[in-house]
Amino acid sequence: MVKRSLEAFELPGQQGVSSRAQLLETGWTYSAIQHALATSWQQPAPGVFLPHRGQPSQEQLLVSGALWAGRGCTLTAGAALAIYGALPLGAYATDSSSSRVLTFVGGGRRHSANCRIARRTLTRYIPPIGHRRGPLLVAEPARALVDHARWDGTTSTDLESLTIACLQRNVTTVDLLEAALRTAARPHLGAVREGLRNFRDGAWSRPEATLRHLLLGERLPRFVMNHGLIDAGGDLIGIPDAYFPDQGVVIQVHSKAYHQGWDKTGNDLWAQTVQRDNRYTASGLAVVAVTPTTLAREARPFLRQLTETLRLRDGLSFPGLHVRCPQACSEIHATGSIPACA
């Protein structure tokens, strides 16, 4: 057999993957492609080839899906969120037995189709592109989140948690998500809307959303969530999960799932989390700690303890203590400085 050029597998951004059309353009024939496939190549998706039999990388599977879906098709849903770090990519691009496939959307005359690693579907609203990598176009995160709710069969609890996490980590913004929801179909999006609503009301995680629902269901004094507390000298005391300003009571939701392990300098993250509560106590504030498990399963004892703490501290004053809104707190996280509250 005549040795043929492999330049089609060296195209920029394609991670060593080539389509049948690209191979034909560089001099390959249909029979030569079929012979190579029978002897040493593999086909991750119909009409898409790798010149070896080894395990494709995650990047190669993403490119394979994009080449199979066709020019102008955009990766969206969970795999797109994984590109932005909001979900683990391995759940979508590991091999052909992955539990979830890659989702591509496109318009025009392209018909919907499915293969081992991907699905392609038509849409009237072409998503804005948030990321480009070779032939891979990735939908912007807000649209990807909406499509994840629509196509990936995620539970309502997970969707609400993911929505809050995407907003809290600045993967997307409130305005962009609201715009994506306005252009999307109504079914399957209730949990995304609920997550957005909870975030706007101050909850930065699913356990905090549960806490907010519980507090609103009781006859309790006014409270705020994720507001920064600044002492008389202008230093940040902390950003408690919930705070009752008229009683000086802080609620901290402590979860080992998010605070376990060590940081880059070798410090125990869980110990740091617990010790940070001492800053509130030193400022004359009372701290009521609770875990996500308690909130979900045994909330009544926690609420009784909180109610009694509020009763005992009712009428106390805290001169020199200032409260900053959540927007300012986001700036504190981003810059490390304390801005004025808008």
C-alpha atoms as a PDB file:
ATOM      1  CA  MET A   1       0.000   0.000   0.000  1.00  0.00           C
ATOM      2  CA  VAL A   2       1.223   3.499  -0.817  1.00  0.00           C
ATOM      3  CA  LYS A   3       2.222   5.431   2.296  1.00  0.00           C
ATOM      4  CA  ARG A   4      -0.093   8.406   2.580  1.00  0.00           C
ATOM      5  CA  SER A   5       0.317  11.750   4.311  1.00  0.00           C
ATOM      6  CA  LEU A   6      -1.042  12.172   7.839  1.00  0.00           C
ATOM      7  CA  GLU A   7      -1.192  15.968   7.594  1.00  0.00           C
ATOM      8  CA  ALA A   8      -4.969  15.904   8.089  1.00  0.00           C
ATOM      9  CA  PHE A   9      -4.283  14.694  11.632  1.00  0.00           C
ATOM     10  CA  GLU A  10      -1.991  17.650  12.283  1.00  0.00           C
ATOM     11  CA  LEU A  11      -4.502  20.458  11.751  1.00  0.00           C
ATOM     12  CA  PRO A  12      -4.280  23.176  14.444  1.00  0.00           C
ATOM     13  CA  GLY A  13      -6.644  22.767  17.357  1.00  0.00           C
ATOM     14  CA  GLN A  14      -7.851  19.290  16.371  1.00  0.00           C
ATOM     15  CA  GLN A  15      -5.788  17.267  18.866  1.00  0.00           C
ATOM     16  CA  GLY A  16      -4.740  14.699  16.247  1.00  0.00           C
ATOM     17  CA  VAL A  17      -8.334  14.037  15.106  1.00  0.00           C
ATOM     18  CA  SER A  18      -9.488  14.257  11.482  1.00  0.00           C
ATOM     19  CA  SER A  19     -12.772  13.996   9.618  1.00  0.00           C
ATOM     20  CA  ARG A  20     -13.335  11.955   6.472  1.00  0.00           C
ATOM     21  CA  ALA A  21     -13.751  15.143   4.430  1.00  0.00           C
ATOM     22  CA  GLN A  22     -10.413  16.482   5.658  1.00  0.00           C
ATOM     23  CA  LEU A  23      -8.684  13.207   4.801  1.00  0.00           C
ATOM     24  CA  LEU A  24     -10.164  13.190   1.298  1.00  0.00           C
ATOM     25  CA  GLU A  25      -8.933  16.751   0.770  1.00  0.00           C
ATOM     26  CA  THR A  26      -5.347  15.640   1.487  1.00  0.00           C
ATOM     27  CA  GLY A  27      -5.379  12.763  -1.013  1.00  0.00           C
ATOM     28  CA  TRP A  28      -6.866   9.856   0.897  1.00  0.00           C
ATOM     29  CA  THR A  29      -9.406   7.648  -0.860  1.00  0.00           C
ATOM     30  CA  TYR A  30     -12.448   5.970   0.654  1.00  0.00           C
ATOM     31  CA  SER A  31     -10.859   2.537   0.257  1.00  0.00           C
ATOM     32  CA  ALA A  32      -7.598   3.678   1.880  1.00  0.00           C
ATOM     33  CA  ILE A  33      -9.492   5.118   4.845  1.00  0.00           C
ATOM     34  CA  GLN A  34     -11.444   1.885   5.262  1.00  0.00           C
ATOM     35  CA  HIS A  35      -8.243  -0.172   5.132  1.00  0.00           C
ATOM     36  CA  ALA A  36      -6.562   2.038   7.754  1.00  0.00           C
ATOM     37  CA  LEU A  37      -9.642   1.796   9.961  1.00  0.00           C
ATOM     38  CA  ALA A  38      -9.618  -2.002   9.681  1.00  0.00           C
ATOM     39  CA  THR A  39      -5.930  -2.284  10.555  1.00  0.00           C
ATOM     40  CA  SER A  40      -4.764   0.502  12.875  1.00  0.00           C
ATOM     41  CA  TRP A  41      -7.187   3.439  13.210  1.00  0.00           C
ATOM     42  CA  GLN A  42     -10.304   3.995  15.284  1.00  0.00           C
ATOM     43  CA  GLN A  43     -13.526   5.934  14.721  1.00  0.00           C
ATOM     44  CA  PRO A  44     -14.717   7.758  17.896  1.00  0.00           C
ATOM     45  CA  ALA A  45     -17.737   9.127  15.999  1.00  0.00           C
ATOM     46  CA  PRO A  46     -19.105   8.433  12.517  1.00  0.00           C
ATOM     47  CA  GLY A  47     -16.817   9.905   9.880  1.00  0.00           C
ATOM     48  CA  VAL A  48     -14.202  10.999  12.457  1.00  0.00           C
ATOM     49  CA  PHE A  49     -10.870   9.187  12.853  1.00  0.00           C
ATOM     50  CA  LEU A  50      -7.841   8.801  15.109  1.00  0.00           C
ATOM     51  CA  PRO A  51      -4.695   7.188  13.622  1.00  0.00           C
ATOM     52  CA  HIS A  52      -4.185   4.802  16.567  1.00  0.00           C
ATOM     53  CA  ARG A  53      -6.072   2.289  18.727  1.00  0.00           C
ATOM     54  CA  GLY A  54      -5.222   3.821  22.101  1.00  0.00           C
ATOM     55  CA  GLN A  55      -7.663   5.462  24.517  1.00  0.00           C
ATOM     56  CA  PRO A  56      -8.767   8.874  23.170  1.00  0.00           C
ATOM     57  CA  SER A  57      -8.161  11.813  25.480  1.00  0.00           C
ATOM     58  CA  GLN A  58     -10.990  13.976  26.730  1.00  0.00           C
ATOM     59  CA  GLU A  59      -9.900  16.738  24.350  1.00  0.00           C
ATOM     60  CA  GLN A  60      -9.907  14.313  21.420  1.00  0.00           C
ATOM     61  CA  LEU A  61     -13.427  13.173  22.232  1.00  0.00           C
ATOM     62  CA  LEU A  62     -14.613  16.792  22.396  1.00  0.00           C
ATOM     63  CA  VAL A  63     -13.073  17.516  18.987  1.00  0.00           C
ATOM     64  CA  SER A  64     -14.499  14.254  17.614  1.00  0.00           C
ATOM     65  CA  GLY A  65     -17.960  15.296  18.711  1.00  0.00           C
ATOM     66  CA  ALA A  66     -17.549  18.739  17.148  1.00  0.00           C
ATOM     67  CA  LEU A  67     -16.348  17.327  13.797  1.00  0.00           C
ATOM     68  CA  TRP A  68     -19.195  14.806  13.769  1.00  0.00           C
ATOM     69  CA  ALA A  69     -21.831  17.443  14.639  1.00  0.00           C
ATOM     70  CA  GLY A  70     -20.655  19.658  11.791  1.00  0.00           C
ATOM     71  CA  ARG A  71     -19.609  23.229  11.123  1.00  0.00           C
ATOM     72  CA  GLY A  72     -21.571  25.796  13.111  1.00  0.00           C
ATOM     73  CA  CYS A  73     -22.774  23.369  15.787  1.00  0.00           C
ATOM     74  CA  THR A  74     -22.103  24.462  19.368  1.00  0.00           C
ATOM     75  CA  LEU A  75     -21.290  22.345  22.407  1.00  0.00           C
ATOM     76  CA  THR A  76     -23.717  23.074  25.223  1.00  0.00           C
ATOM     77  CA  ALA A  77     -25.310  21.546  28.365  1.00  0.00           C
ATOM     78  CA  GLY A  78     -23.198  19.740  30.974  1.00  0.00           C
ATOM     79  CA  ALA A  79     -20.084  19.203  28.853  1.00  0.00           C
ATOM     80  CA  ALA A  80     -19.925  22.931  28.093  1.00  0.00           C
ATOM     81  CA  LEU A  81     -20.249  23.706  31.809  1.00  0.00           C
ATOM     82  CA  ALA A  82     -17.367  21.278  32.392  1.00  0.00           C
ATOM     83  CA  ILE A  83     -15.214  23.346  30.017  1.00  0.00           C
ATOM     84  CA  TYR A  84     -15.793  26.302  32.368  1.00  0.00           C
ATOM     85  CA  GLY A  85     -14.966  24.204  35.442  1.00  0.00           C
ATOM     86  CA  ALA A  86     -18.517  24.024  36.824  1.00  0.00           C
ATOM     87  CA  LEU A  87     -18.781  20.216  36.421  1.00  0.00           C
ATOM     88  CA  PRO A  88     -16.294  17.352  36.050  1.00  0.00           C
ATOM     89  CA  LEU A  89     -15.477  16.832  32.385  1.00  0.00           C
ATOM     90  CA  GLY A  90     -14.925  13.120  32.904  1.00  0.00           C
ATOM     91  CA  ALA A  91     -18.659  12.536  33.286  1.00  0.00           C
ATOM     92  CA  TYR A  92     -19.126  13.560  29.636  1.00  0.00           C
ATOM     93  CA  ALA A  93     -15.876  12.882  27.770  1.00  0.00           C
ATOM     94  CA  THR A  94     -14.170   9.740  28.982  1.00  0.00           C
ATOM     95  CA  ASP A  95     -15.066   7.043  26.453  1.00  0.00           C
ATOM     96  CA  SER A  96     -18.034   5.711  24.512  1.00  0.00           C
ATOM     97  CA  SER A  97     -19.504   4.187  27.701  1.00  0.00           C
ATOM     98  CA  SER A  98     -19.732   7.573  29.426  1.00  0.00           C
ATOM     99  CA  SER A  99     -22.974   8.001  31.352  1.00  0.00           C
ATOM    100  CA  ARG A 100     -23.784  11.241  29.511  1.00  0.00           C
ATOM    101  CA  VAL A 101     -23.127  12.235  25.930  1.00  0.00           C
ATOM    102  CA  LEU A 102     -21.897  15.529  24.509  1.00  0.00           C
ATOM    103  CA  THR A 103     -24.723  17.822  23.398  1.00  0.00           C
ATOM    104  CA  PHE A 104     -24.380  19.975  20.273  1.00  0.00           C
ATOM    105  CA  VAL A 105     -26.982  22.391  18.940  1.00  0.00           C
ATOM    106  CA  GLY A 106     -27.219  23.902  15.488  1.00  0.00           C
ATOM    107  CA  GLY A 107     -29.627  25.504  13.069  1.00  0.00           C
ATOM    108  CA  GLY A 108     -30.257  25.479   9.342  1.00  0.00           C
ATOM    109  CA  ARG A 109     -31.067  22.274   7.491  1.00  0.00           C
ATOM    110  CA  ARG A 110     -29.065  20.020   9.748  1.00  0.00           C
ATOM    111  CA  HIS A 111     -31.143  17.145  11.107  1.00  0.00           C
ATOM    112  CA  SER A 112     -31.067  15.870  14.689  1.00  0.00           C
ATOM    113  CA  ALA A 113     -28.934  12.781  15.225  1.00  0.00           C
ATOM    114  CA  ASN A 114     -27.159  10.669  17.852  1.00  0.00           C
ATOM    115  CA  CYS A 115     -23.932   8.704  18.021  1.00  0.00           C
ATOM    116  CA  ARG A 116     -22.066   6.873  20.797  1.00  0.00           C
ATOM    117  CA  ILE A 117     -20.484   9.989  22.306  1.00  0.00           C
ATOM    118  CA  ALA A 118     -22.746  12.858  21.236  1.00  0.00           C
ATOM    119  CA  ARG A 119     -26.167  14.111  20.252  1.00  0.00           C
ATOM    120  CA  ARG A 120     -27.006  16.859  17.768  1.00  0.00           C
ATOM    121  CA  THR A 121     -30.271  18.755  17.924  1.00  0.00           C
ATOM    122  CA  LEU A 122     -31.828  21.685  16.091  1.00  0.00           C
ATOM    123  CA  THR A 123     -32.641  24.933  17.851  1.00  0.00           C
ATOM    124  CA  ARG A 124     -34.335  28.134  16.745  1.00  0.00           C
ATOM    125  CA  TYR A 125     -32.130  30.196  19.036  1.00  0.00           C
ATOM    126  CA  ILE A 126     -28.433  29.766  18.276  1.00  0.00           C
ATOM    127  CA  PRO A 127     -26.502  30.172  21.556  1.00  0.00           C
ATOM    128  CA  PRO A 128     -23.865  32.880  21.875  1.00  0.00           C
ATOM    129  CA  ILE A 129     -20.328  31.501  21.767  1.00  0.00           C
ATOM    130  CA  GLY A 130     -18.404  31.766  25.008  1.00  0.00           C
ATOM    131  CA  HIS A 131     -15.277  29.840  24.009  1.00  0.00           C
ATOM    132  CA  ARG A 132     -13.539  28.644  20.828  1.00  0.00           C
ATOM    133  CA  ARG A 133     -10.897  25.937  20.518  1.00  0.00           C
ATOM    134  CA  GLY A 134     -10.141  24.728  17.006  1.00  0.00           C
ATOM    135  CA  PRO A 135     -13.371  23.304  15.556  1.00  0.00           C
ATOM    136  CA  LEU A 136     -14.952  23.247  19.034  1.00  0.00           C
ATOM    137  CA  LEU A 137     -17.433  26.044  19.726  1.00  0.00           C
ATOM    138  CA  VAL A 138     -18.687  26.221  23.326  1.00  0.00           C
ATOM    139  CA  ALA A 139     -21.924  27.945  24.343  1.00  0.00           C
ATOM    140  CA  GLU A 140     -21.666  30.696  26.946  1.00  0.00           C
ATOM    141  CA  PRO A 141     -22.255  29.365  30.480  1.00  0.00           C
ATOM    142  CA  ALA A 142     -25.778  30.674  31.119  1.00  0.00           C
ATOM    143  CA  ARG A 143     -27.171  29.003  28.001  1.00  0.00           C
ATOM    144  CA  ALA A 144     -25.181  25.843  28.792  1.00  0.00           C
ATOM    145  CA  LEU A 145     -26.779  25.730  32.249  1.00  0.00           C
ATOM    146  CA  VAL A 146     -30.268  26.063  30.783  1.00  0.00           C
ATOM    147  CA  ASP A 147     -29.555  23.302  28.247  1.00  0.00           C
ATOM    148  CA  HIS A 148     -28.092  21.111  31.006  1.00  0.00           C
ATOM    149  CA  ALA A 149     -31.450  21.331  32.772  1.00  0.00           C
ATOM    150  CA  ARG A 150     -33.252  20.519  29.545  1.00  0.00           C
ATOM    151  CA  TRP A 151     -31.249  17.554  28.230  1.00  0.00           C
ATOM    152  CA  ASP A 152     -29.033  15.944  30.864  1.00  0.00           C
ATOM    153  CA  GLY A 153     -31.646  14.490  33.223  1.00  0.00           C
ATOM    154  CA  THR A 154     -30.287  16.201  36.333  1.00  0.00           C
ATOM    155  CA  THR A 155     -32.272  16.184  39.585  1.00  0.00           C
ATOM    156  CA  SER A 156     -33.927  19.385  40.790  1.00  0.00           C
ATOM    157  CA  THR A 157     -31.729  19.512  43.892  1.00  0.00           C
ATOM    158  CA  ASP A 158     -28.538  19.193  41.853  1.00  0.00           C
ATOM    159  CA  LEU A 159     -29.740  21.805  39.359  1.00  0.00           C
ATOM    160  CA  GLU A 160     -30.536  24.311  42.090  1.00  0.00           C
ATOM    161  CA  SER A 161     -27.152  23.712  43.716  1.00  0.00           C
ATOM    162  CA  LEU A 162     -25.323  24.011  40.398  1.00  0.00           C
ATOM    163  CA  THR A 163     -27.143  27.250  39.533  1.00  0.00           C
ATOM    164  CA  ILE A 164     -26.132  28.847  42.826  1.00  0.00           C
ATOM    165  CA  ALA A 165     -22.554  27.587  42.443  1.00  0.00           C
ATOM    166  CA  CYS A 166     -22.234  28.993  38.897  1.00  0.00           C
ATOM    167  CA  LEU A 167     -23.432  32.392  40.079  1.00  0.00           C
ATOM    168  CA  GLN A 168     -21.359  32.408  43.255  1.00  0.00           C
ATOM    169  CA  ARG A 169     -18.154  31.451  41.396  1.00  0.00           C
ATOM    170  CA  ASN A 170     -18.801  34.014  38.625  1.00  0.00           C
ATOM    171  CA  VAL A 171     -19.078  31.306  35.971  1.00  0.00           C
ATOM    172  CA  THR A 172     -22.076  33.354  34.824  1.00  0.00           C
ATOM    173  CA  THR A 173     -24.028  36.361  36.085  1.00  0.00           C
ATOM    174  CA  VAL A 174     -27.568  37.062  37.198  1.00  0.00           C
ATOM    175  CA  ASP A 175     -28.259  39.222  34.133  1.00  0.00           C
ATOM    176  CA  LEU A 176     -26.930  36.651  31.657  1.00  0.00           C
ATOM    177  CA  LEU A 177     -28.865  33.803  33.290  1.00  0.00           C
ATOM    178  CA  GLU A 178     -32.077  35.827  33.327  1.00  0.00           C
ATOM    179  CA  ALA A 179     -31.603  36.534  29.599  1.00  0.00           C
ATOM    180  CA  ALA A 180     -30.992  32.836  28.861  1.00  0.00           C
ATOM    181  CA  LEU A 181     -34.121  31.851  30.784  1.00  0.00           C
ATOM    182  CA  ARG A 182     -36.234  34.343  28.809  1.00  0.00           C
ATOM    183  CA  THR A 183     -35.245  32.741  25.504  1.00  0.00           C
ATOM    184  CA  ALA A 184     -35.552  29.121  26.667  1.00  0.00           C
ATOM    185  CA  ALA A 185     -38.530  26.795  26.735  1.00  0.00           C
ATOM    186  CA  ARG A 186     -40.370  26.694  30.067  1.00  0.00           C
ATOM    187  CA  PRO A 187     -40.240  22.951  30.980  1.00  0.00           C
ATOM    188  CA  HIS A 188     -37.472  21.610  33.243  1.00  0.00           C
ATOM    189  CA  LEU A 189     -36.229  25.048  34.315  1.00  0.00           C
ATOM    190  CA  GLY A 190     -37.997  25.458  37.670  1.00  0.00           C
ATOM    191  CA  ALA A 191     -34.919  24.413  39.656  1.00  0.00           C
ATOM    192  CA  VAL A 192     -32.696  26.858  37.738  1.00  0.00           C
ATOM    193  CA  ARG A 193     -35.152  29.681  38.442  1.00  0.00           C
ATOM    194  CA  GLU A 194     -35.263  28.679  42.109  1.00  0.00           C
ATOM    195  CA  GLY A 195     -31.486  28.653  42.331  1.00  0.00           C
ATOM    196  CA  LEU A 196     -31.367  32.107  40.743  1.00  0.00           C
ATOM    197  CA  ARG A 197     -34.008  33.387  43.160  1.00  0.00           C
ATOM    198  CA  ASN A 198     -32.148  32.007  46.191  1.00  0.00           C
ATOM    199  CA  PHE A 199     -28.859  33.521  45.037  1.00  0.00           C
ATOM    200  CA  ARG A 200     -30.452  36.928  44.540  1.00  0.00           C
ATOM    201  CA  ASP A 201     -31.836  36.668  48.060  1.00  0.00           C
ATOM    202  CA  GLY A 202     -28.371  36.055  49.488  1.00  0.00           C
ATOM    203  CA  ALA A 203     -27.867  32.265  49.486  1.00  0.00           C
ATOM    204  CA  TRP A 204     -24.481  31.246  48.070  1.00  0.00           C
ATOM    205  CA  SER A 205     -24.950  27.462  48.311  1.00  0.00           C
ATOM    206  CA  ARG A 206     -27.737  24.861  48.446  1.00  0.00           C
ATOM    207  CA  PRO A 207     -27.449  24.455  52.268  1.00  0.00           C
ATOM    208  CA  GLU A 208     -27.706  28.246  52.620  1.00  0.00           C
ATOM    209  CA  ALA A 209     -30.840  28.181  50.474  1.00  0.00           C
ATOM    210  CA  THR A 210     -32.269  25.542  52.827  1.00  0.00           C
ATOM    211  CA  LEU A 211     -31.343  27.755  55.785  1.00  0.00           C
ATOM    212  CA  ARG A 212     -33.082  30.741  54.213  1.00  0.00           C
ATOM    213  CA  HIS A 213     -36.287  28.748  53.635  1.00  0.00           C
ATOM    214  CA  LEU A 214     -36.270  27.562  57.248  1.00  0.00           C
ATOM    215  CA  LEU A 215     -35.719  31.055  58.667  1.00  0.00           C
ATOM    216  CA  LEU A 216     -38.441  32.565  56.500  1.00  0.00           C
ATOM    217  CA  GLY A 217     -40.847  29.921  57.780  1.00  0.00           C
ATOM    218  CA  GLU A 218     -40.395  31.038  61.402  1.00  0.00           C
ATOM    219  CA  ARG A 219     -41.458  34.203  63.227  1.00  0.00           C
ATOM    220  CA  LEU A 220     -37.925  35.532  63.577  1.00  0.00           C
ATOM    221  CA  PRO A 221     -36.435  39.039  63.591  1.00  0.00           C
ATOM    222  CA  ARG A 222     -35.046  40.453  60.353  1.00  0.00           C
ATOM    223  CA  PHE A 223     -31.866  38.853  59.027  1.00  0.00           C
ATOM    224  CA  VAL A 224     -29.498  39.218  56.073  1.00  0.00           C
ATOM    225  CA  MET A 225     -27.390  36.636  54.270  1.00  0.00           C
ATOM    226  CA  ASN A 226     -23.764  36.884  53.158  1.00  0.00           C
ATOM    227  CA  HIS A 227     -23.386  40.496  54.209  1.00  0.00           C
ATOM    228  CA  GLY A 228     -19.908  41.575  55.289  1.00  0.00           C
ATOM    229  CA  LEU A 229     -19.395  42.721  58.882  1.00  0.00           C
ATOM    230  CA  ILE A 230     -16.881  45.567  59.274  1.00  0.00           C
ATOM    231  CA  ASP A 231     -15.528  46.672  62.660  1.00  0.00           C
ATOM    232  CA  ALA A 232     -14.992  50.253  63.862  1.00  0.00           C
ATOM    233  CA  GLY A 233     -11.453  50.258  62.490  1.00  0.00           C
ATOM    234  CA  GLY A 234     -12.622  49.353  58.990  1.00  0.00           C
ATOM    235  CA  ASP A 235     -11.404  45.749  59.109  1.00  0.00           C
ATOM    236  CA  LEU A 236     -13.466  42.868  57.824  1.00  0.00           C
ATOM    237  CA  ILE A 237     -14.635  40.598  60.644  1.00  0.00           C
ATOM    238  CA  GLY A 238     -16.194  38.094  58.273  1.00  0.00           C
ATOM    239  CA  ILE A 239     -19.040  37.341  55.870  1.00  0.00           C
ATOM    240  CA  PRO A 240     -21.452  35.141  57.851  1.00  0.00           C
ATOM    241  CA  ASP A 241     -23.947  32.894  56.105  1.00  0.00           C
ATOM    242  CA  ALA A 242     -26.757  34.641  57.974  1.00  0.00           C
ATOM    243  CA  TYR A 243     -26.787  37.563  60.419  1.00  0.00           C
ATOM    244  CA  PHE A 244     -29.421  39.076  62.722  1.00  0.00           C
ATOM    245  CA  PRO A 245     -28.260  42.724  63.040  1.00  0.00           C
ATOM    246  CA  ASP A 246     -30.582  43.693  65.920  1.00  0.00           C
ATOM    247  CA  GLN A 247     -29.363  40.819  68.108  1.00  0.00           C
ATOM    248  CA  GLY A 248     -25.786  40.383  66.893  1.00  0.00           C
ATOM    249  CA  VAL A 249     -26.326  36.712  66.115  1.00  0.00           C
ATOM    250  CA  VAL A 250     -24.347  34.972  63.375  1.00  0.00           C
ATOM    251  CA  ILE A 251     -25.316  31.663  61.742  1.00  0.00           C
ATOM    252  CA  GLN A 252     -22.573  29.633  60.104  1.00  0.00           C
ATOM    253  CA  VAL A 253     -23.370  26.561  57.965  1.00  0.00           C
ATOM    254  CA  HIS A 254     -20.296  24.351  58.352  1.00  0.00           C
ATOM    255  CA  SER A 255     -19.868  21.658  55.717  1.00  0.00           C
ATOM    256  CA  LYS A 256     -16.839  19.350  55.645  1.00  0.00           C
ATOM    257  CA  ALA A 257     -17.610  18.667  51.996  1.00  0.00           C
ATOM    258  CA  TYR A 258     -16.484  22.209  51.157  1.00  0.00           C
ATOM    259  CA  HIS A 259     -13.924  22.826  53.908  1.00  0.00           C
ATOM    260  CA  GLN A 260     -12.025  19.559  54.215  1.00  0.00           C
ATOM    261  CA  GLY A 261      -8.377  19.023  53.300  1.00  0.00           C
ATOM    262  CA  TRP A 262      -5.418  21.401  53.215  1.00  0.00           C
ATOM    263  CA  ASP A 263      -4.611  24.623  51.401  1.00  0.00           C
ATOM    264  CA  LYS A 264      -1.460  25.276  49.316  1.00  0.00           C
ATOM    265  CA  THR A 265       0.568  26.077  52.435  1.00  0.00           C
ATOM    266  CA  GLY A 266      -0.481  22.912  54.280  1.00  0.00           C
ATOM    267  CA  ASN A 267      -3.037  24.475  56.649  1.00  0.00           C
ATOM    268  CA  ASP A 268      -6.050  22.420  57.737  1.00  0.00           C
ATOM    269  CA  LEU A 269      -9.079  23.952  55.972  1.00  0.00           C
ATOM    270  CA  TRP A 270     -11.589  22.559  58.471  1.00  0.00           C
ATOM    271  CA  ALA A 271      -9.633  23.959  61.431  1.00  0.00           C
ATOM    272  CA  GLN A 272      -9.465  27.347  59.711  1.00  0.00           C
ATOM    273  CA  THR A 273     -13.219  27.297  59.142  1.00  0.00           C
ATOM    274  CA  VAL A 274     -13.963  26.614  62.795  1.00  0.00           C
ATOM    275  CA  GLN A 275     -11.372  29.097  64.083  1.00  0.00           C
ATOM    276  CA  ARG A 276     -12.786  31.893  61.926  1.00  0.00           C
ATOM    277  CA  ASP A 277     -15.887  31.850  64.118  1.00  0.00           C
ATOM    278  CA  ASN A 278     -13.755  33.184  66.975  1.00  0.00           C
ATOM    279  CA  ARG A 279     -13.514  36.533  65.184  1.00  0.00           C
ATOM    280  CA  TYR A 280     -17.261  37.008  65.591  1.00  0.00           C
ATOM    281  CA  THR A 281     -17.148  36.060  69.273  1.00  0.00           C
ATOM    282  CA  ALA A 282     -14.277  38.489  69.914  1.00  0.00           C
ATOM    283  CA  SER A 283     -16.460  41.264  68.452  1.00  0.00           C
ATOM    284  CA  GLY A 284     -19.273  40.535  70.886  1.00  0.00           C
ATOM    285  CA  LEU A 285     -21.387  38.529  68.478  1.00  0.00           C
ATOM    286  CA  ALA A 286     -23.009  35.177  69.190  1.00  0.00           C
ATOM    287  CA  VAL A 287     -22.363  32.312  66.773  1.00  0.00           C
ATOM    288  CA  VAL A 288     -24.861  29.522  66.117  1.00  0.00           C
ATOM    289  CA  ALA A 289     -23.254  26.811  63.985  1.00  0.00           C
ATOM    290  CA  VAL A 290     -25.167  24.201  62.008  1.00  0.00           C
ATOM    291  CA  THR A 291     -24.368  21.510  59.435  1.00  0.00           C
ATOM    292  CA  PRO A 292     -26.169  20.829  56.126  1.00  0.00           C
ATOM    293  CA  THR A 293     -27.274  17.438  57.470  1.00  0.00           C
ATOM    294  CA  THR A 294     -28.934  19.074  60.475  1.00  0.00           C
ATOM    295  CA  LEU A 295     -30.709  21.590  58.249  1.00  0.00           C
ATOM    296  CA  ALA A 296     -32.032  18.838  56.012  1.00  0.00           C
ATOM    297  CA  ARG A 297     -33.010  16.256  58.654  1.00  0.00           C
ATOM    298  CA  GLU A 298     -33.108  17.687  62.193  1.00  0.00           C
ATOM    299  CA  ALA A 299     -33.904  21.368  61.842  1.00  0.00           C
ATOM    300  CA  ARG A 300     -36.272  21.779  64.808  1.00  0.00           C
ATOM    301  CA  PRO A 301     -33.634  21.541  67.593  1.00  0.00           C
ATOM    302  CA  PHE A 302     -31.463  24.027  65.711  1.00  0.00           C
ATOM    303  CA  LEU A 303     -34.364  26.449  65.307  1.00  0.00           C
ATOM    304  CA  ARG A 304     -35.227  26.186  69.023  1.00  0.00           C
ATOM    305  CA  GLN A 305     -31.621  26.967  69.968  1.00  0.00           C
ATOM    306  CA  LEU A 306     -31.552  29.905  67.549  1.00  0.00           C
ATOM    307  CA  THR A 307     -34.845  31.294  68.833  1.00  0.00           C
ATOM    308  CA  GLU A 308     -33.636  31.168  72.437  1.00  0.00           C
ATOM    309  CA  THR A 309     -30.328  32.834  71.516  1.00  0.00           C
ATOM    310  CA  LEU A 310     -32.189  35.639  69.743  1.00  0.00           C
ATOM    311  CA  ARG A 311     -34.510  36.123  72.728  1.00  0.00           C
ATOM    312  CA  LEU A 312     -31.616  36.417  75.194  1.00  0.00           C
ATOM    313  CA  ARG A 313     -29.788  38.964  73.023  1.00  0.00           C
ATOM    314  CA  ASP A 314     -32.743  41.060  71.950  1.00  0.00           C
ATOM    315  CA  GLY A 315     -32.140  44.793  72.391  1.00  0.00           C
ATOM    316  CA  LEU A 316     -28.327  44.675  72.454  1.00  0.00           C
ATOM    317  CA  SER A 317     -26.449  47.351  70.495  1.00  0.00           C
ATOM    318  CA  PHE A 318     -23.215  47.074  68.523  1.00  0.00           C
ATOM    319  CA  PRO A 319     -21.776  50.554  67.980  1.00  0.00           C
ATOM    320  CA  GLY A 320     -19.166  50.837  65.249  1.00  0.00           C
ATOM    321  CA  LEU A 321     -20.203  47.624  63.508  1.00  0.00           C
ATOM    322  CA  HIS A 322     -21.080  48.131  59.845  1.00  0.00           C
ATOM    323  CA  VAL A 323     -22.847  45.782  57.434  1.00  0.00           C
ATOM    324  CA  ARG A 324     -21.906  45.563  53.761  1.00  0.00           C
ATOM    325  CA  CYS A 325     -24.252  44.273  51.060  1.00  0.00           C
ATOM    326  CA  PRO A 326     -23.567  41.037  49.083  1.00  0.00           C
ATOM    327  CA  GLN A 327     -22.382  42.984  45.990  1.00  0.00           C
ATOM    328  CA  ALA A 328     -19.652  44.593  48.057  1.00  0.00           C
ATOM    329  CA  CYS A 329     -18.805  41.196  49.530  1.00  0.00           C
ATOM    330  CA  SER A 330     -18.244  39.840  46.035  1.00  0.00           C
ATOM    331  CA  GLU A 331     -15.738  42.647  45.500  1.00  0.00           C
ATOM    332  CA  ILE A 332     -14.042  41.733  48.793  1.00  0.00           C
ATOM    333  CA  HIS A 333     -13.563  38.164  47.509  1.00  0.00           C
ATOM    334  CA  ALA A 334     -12.254  39.404  44.158  1.00  0.00           C
ATOM    335  CA  THR A 335      -9.936  42.199  45.300  1.00  0.00           C
ATOM    336  CA  GLY A 336      -9.199  41.559  48.959  1.00  0.00           C
ATOM    337  CA  SER A 337     -10.187  45.167  49.788  1.00  0.00           C
ATOM    338  CA  ILE A 338     -13.329  46.572  51.361  1.00  0.00           C
ATOM    339  CA  PRO A 339     -15.296  48.756  48.935  1.00  0.00           C
ATOM    340  CA  ALA A 340     -18.087  51.140  49.812  1.00  0.00           C
ATOM    341  CA  CYS A 341     -21.543  49.620  49.569  1.00  0.00           C
ATOM    342  CA  ALA A 342     -23.515  50.925  46.605  1.00  0.00           C
END
